[in-house]
PDB file of N, CA and C in Angstrom:
ATOM      1  N   MET A   1     160.697 163.547 171.971  1.00  0.00           N
ATOM      2  CA  MET A   1     161.645 164.652 172.158  1.00  0.00           C
ATOM      3  C   MET A   1     162.305 164.546 173.524  1.00  0.00           C
ATOM      4  N   SER A   2     161.596 163.960 174.467  1.00  0.00           N
ATOM      5  CA  SER A   2     162.129 163.847 175.824  1.00  0.00           C
ATOM      6  C   SER A   2     163.206 162.774 175.896  1.00  0.00           C
ATOM      7  N   GLN A   3     163.157 161.810 174.955  1.00  0.00           N
ATOM      8  CA  GLN A   3     164.137 160.727 174.959  1.00  0.00           C
ATOM      9  C   GLN A   3     165.066 160.853 173.758  1.00  0.00           C
ATOM     10  N   PRO A   4     166.369 160.610 173.948  1.00  0.00           N
ATOM     11  CA  PRO A   4     167.328 160.670 172.839  1.00  0.00           C
ATOM     12  C   PRO A   4     167.048 159.566 171.833  1.00  0.00           C
ATOM     13  N   SER A   5     167.225 159.852 170.560  1.00  0.00           N
ATOM     14  CA  SER A   5     166.951 158.862 169.524  1.00  0.00           C
ATOM     15  C   SER A   5     168.021 157.770 169.527  1.00  0.00           C
ATOM     16  N   PRO A   6     167.626 156.503 169.612  1.00  0.00           N
ATOM     17  CA  PRO A   6     168.581 155.387 169.631  1.00  0.00           C
ATOM     18  C   PRO A   6     169.332 155.260 168.309  1.00  0.00           C
ATOM     19  N   LEU A   7     168.750 155.815 167.239  1.00  0.00           N
ATOM     20  CA  LEU A   7     169.387 155.732 165.928  1.00  0.00           C
ATOM     21  C   LEU A   7     170.500 156.765 165.799  1.00  0.00           C
ATOM     22  N   CYS A   8     170.422 157.815 166.596  1.00  0.00           N
ATOM     23  CA  CYS A   8     171.425 158.880 166.507  1.00  0.00           C
ATOM     24  C   CYS A   8     171.693 159.441 167.899  1.00  0.00           C
ATOM     25  N   PRO A   9     172.368 158.664 168.748  1.00  0.00           N
ATOM     26  CA  PRO A   9     172.644 159.096 170.119  1.00  0.00           C
ATOM     27  C   PRO A   9     173.610 160.270 170.143  1.00  0.00           C
ATOM     28  N   ASN A  10     173.356 161.206 171.034  1.00  0.00           N
ATOM     29  CA  ASN A  10     174.223 162.371 171.150  1.00  0.00           C
ATOM     30  C   ASN A  10     174.657 162.502 172.607  1.00  0.00           C
ATOM     31  N   PRO A  11     175.898 162.093 172.931  1.00  0.00           N
ATOM     32  CA  PRO A  11     176.379 162.109 174.322  1.00  0.00           C
ATOM     33  C   PRO A  11     176.174 163.455 174.993  1.00  0.00           C
ATOM     34  N   MET A  12     176.446 164.542 174.265  1.00  0.00           N
ATOM     35  CA  MET A  12     176.297 165.875 174.847  1.00  0.00           C
ATOM     36  C   MET A  12     174.834 166.149 175.170  1.00  0.00           C
ATOM     37  N   GLN A  13     173.948 165.782 174.257  1.00  0.00           N
ATOM     38  CA  GLN A  13     172.516 166.020 174.466  1.00  0.00           C
ATOM     39  C   GLN A  13     172.013 165.176 175.629  1.00  0.00           C
ATOM     40  N   VAL A  14     172.467 163.926 175.701  1.00  0.00           N
ATOM     41  CA  VAL A  14     172.056 163.031 176.786  1.00  0.00           C
ATOM     42  C   VAL A  14     172.505 163.598 178.119  1.00  0.00           C
ATOM     43  N   HIS A  15     173.747 164.079 178.182  1.00  0.00           N
ATOM     44  CA  HIS A  15     174.262 164.660 179.422  1.00  0.00           C
ATOM     45  C   HIS A  15     173.447 165.884 179.811  1.00  0.00           C
ATOM     46  N   SER A  16     173.090 166.680 178.817  1.00  0.00           N
ATOM     47  CA  SER A  16     172.295 167.884 179.085  1.00  0.00           C
ATOM     48  C   SER A  16     170.938 167.496 179.657  1.00  0.00           C
ATOM     49  N   LEU A  17     170.312 166.465 179.082  1.00  0.00           N
ATOM     50  CA  LEU A  17     169.005 166.013 179.563  1.00  0.00           C
ATOM     51  C   LEU A  17     169.119 165.485 180.986  1.00  0.00           C
ATOM     52  N   GLN A  18     170.181 164.737 181.274  1.00  0.00           N
ATOM     53  CA  GLN A  18     170.371 164.186 182.618  1.00  0.00           C
ATOM     54  C   GLN A  18     170.585 165.312 183.617  1.00  0.00           C
ATOM     55  N   GLN A  19     171.362 166.330 183.235  1.00  0.00           N
ATOM     56  CA  GLN A  19     171.619 167.456 184.127  1.00  0.00           C
ATOM     57  C   GLN A  19     170.334 168.221 184.386  1.00  0.00           C
ATOM     58  N   GLU A  20     169.540 168.414 183.336  1.00  0.00           N
ATOM     59  CA  GLU A  20     168.275 169.140 183.486  1.00  0.00           C
ATOM     60  C   GLU A  20     167.336 168.364 184.403  1.00  0.00           C
ATOM     61  N   THR A  21     167.291 167.055 184.230  1.00  0.00           N
ATOM     62  CA  THR A  21     166.438 166.211 185.076  1.00  0.00           C
ATOM     63  C   THR A  21     166.896 166.291 186.525  1.00  0.00           C
ATOM     64  N   ALA A  22     168.201 166.270 186.748  1.00  0.00           N
ATOM     65  CA  ALA A  22     168.743 166.352 188.106  1.00  0.00           C
ATOM     66  C   ALA A  22     168.347 167.676 188.751  1.00  0.00           C
ATOM     67  N   ASP A  23     168.388 168.757 187.970  1.00  0.00           N
ATOM     68  CA  ASP A  23     168.016 170.075 188.495  1.00  0.00           C
ATOM     69  C   ASP A  23     166.546 170.090 188.888  1.00  0.00           C
ATOM     70  N   VAL A  24     165.703 169.482 188.077  1.00  0.00           N
ATOM     71  CA  VAL A  24     164.269 169.434 188.370  1.00  0.00           C
ATOM     72  C   VAL A  24     164.026 168.645 189.647  1.00  0.00           C
ATOM     73  N   TRP A  25     164.694 167.505 189.777  1.00  0.00           N
ATOM     74  CA  TRP A  25     164.546 166.688 190.992  1.00  0.00           C
ATOM     75  C   TRP A  25     164.979 167.485 192.214  1.00  0.00           C
ATOM     76  N   THR A  26     166.094 168.201 192.100  1.00  0.00           N
ATOM     77  CA  THR A  26     166.606 168.988 193.226  1.00  0.00           C
ATOM     78  C   THR A  26     165.598 170.051 193.637  1.00  0.00           C
ATOM     79  N   LEU A  27     165.018 170.741 192.654  1.00  0.00           N
ATOM     80  CA  LEU A  27     164.031 171.784 192.960  1.00  0.00           C
ATOM     81  C   LEU A  27     162.813 171.176 193.640  1.00  0.00           C
ATOM     82  N   ASN A  28     162.364 170.033 193.147  1.00  0.00           N
ATOM     83  CA  ASN A  28     161.179 169.384 193.716  1.00  0.00           C
ATOM     84  C   ASN A  28     161.445 168.915 195.141  1.00  0.00           C
ATOM     85  N   LEU A  29     162.644 168.404 195.395  1.00  0.00           N
ATOM     86  CA  LEU A  29     162.973 167.899 196.729  1.00  0.00           C
ATOM     87  C   LEU A  29     163.143 169.046 197.719  1.00  0.00           C
ATOM     88  N   ASN A  30     163.614 170.186 197.226  1.00  0.00           N
ATOM     89  CA  ASN A  30     163.852 171.326 198.120  1.00  0.00           C
ATOM     90  C   ASN A  30     162.555 172.006 198.531  1.00  0.00           C
ATOM     91  N   GLN A  31     161.525 171.858 197.738  1.00  0.00           N
ATOM     92  CA  GLN A  31     160.263 172.524 198.056  1.00  0.00           C
ATOM     93  C   GLN A  31     159.552 171.812 199.197  1.00  0.00           C
TER      94      GLN A  31
END
């Protein structure tokens, strides 16, 4: 679930996952 399915890639979903990951990294770095 954490990784997009290679059989059915969804650009919007991938972008959302990347944005969410970036937010998590930012929060972790700020602490």
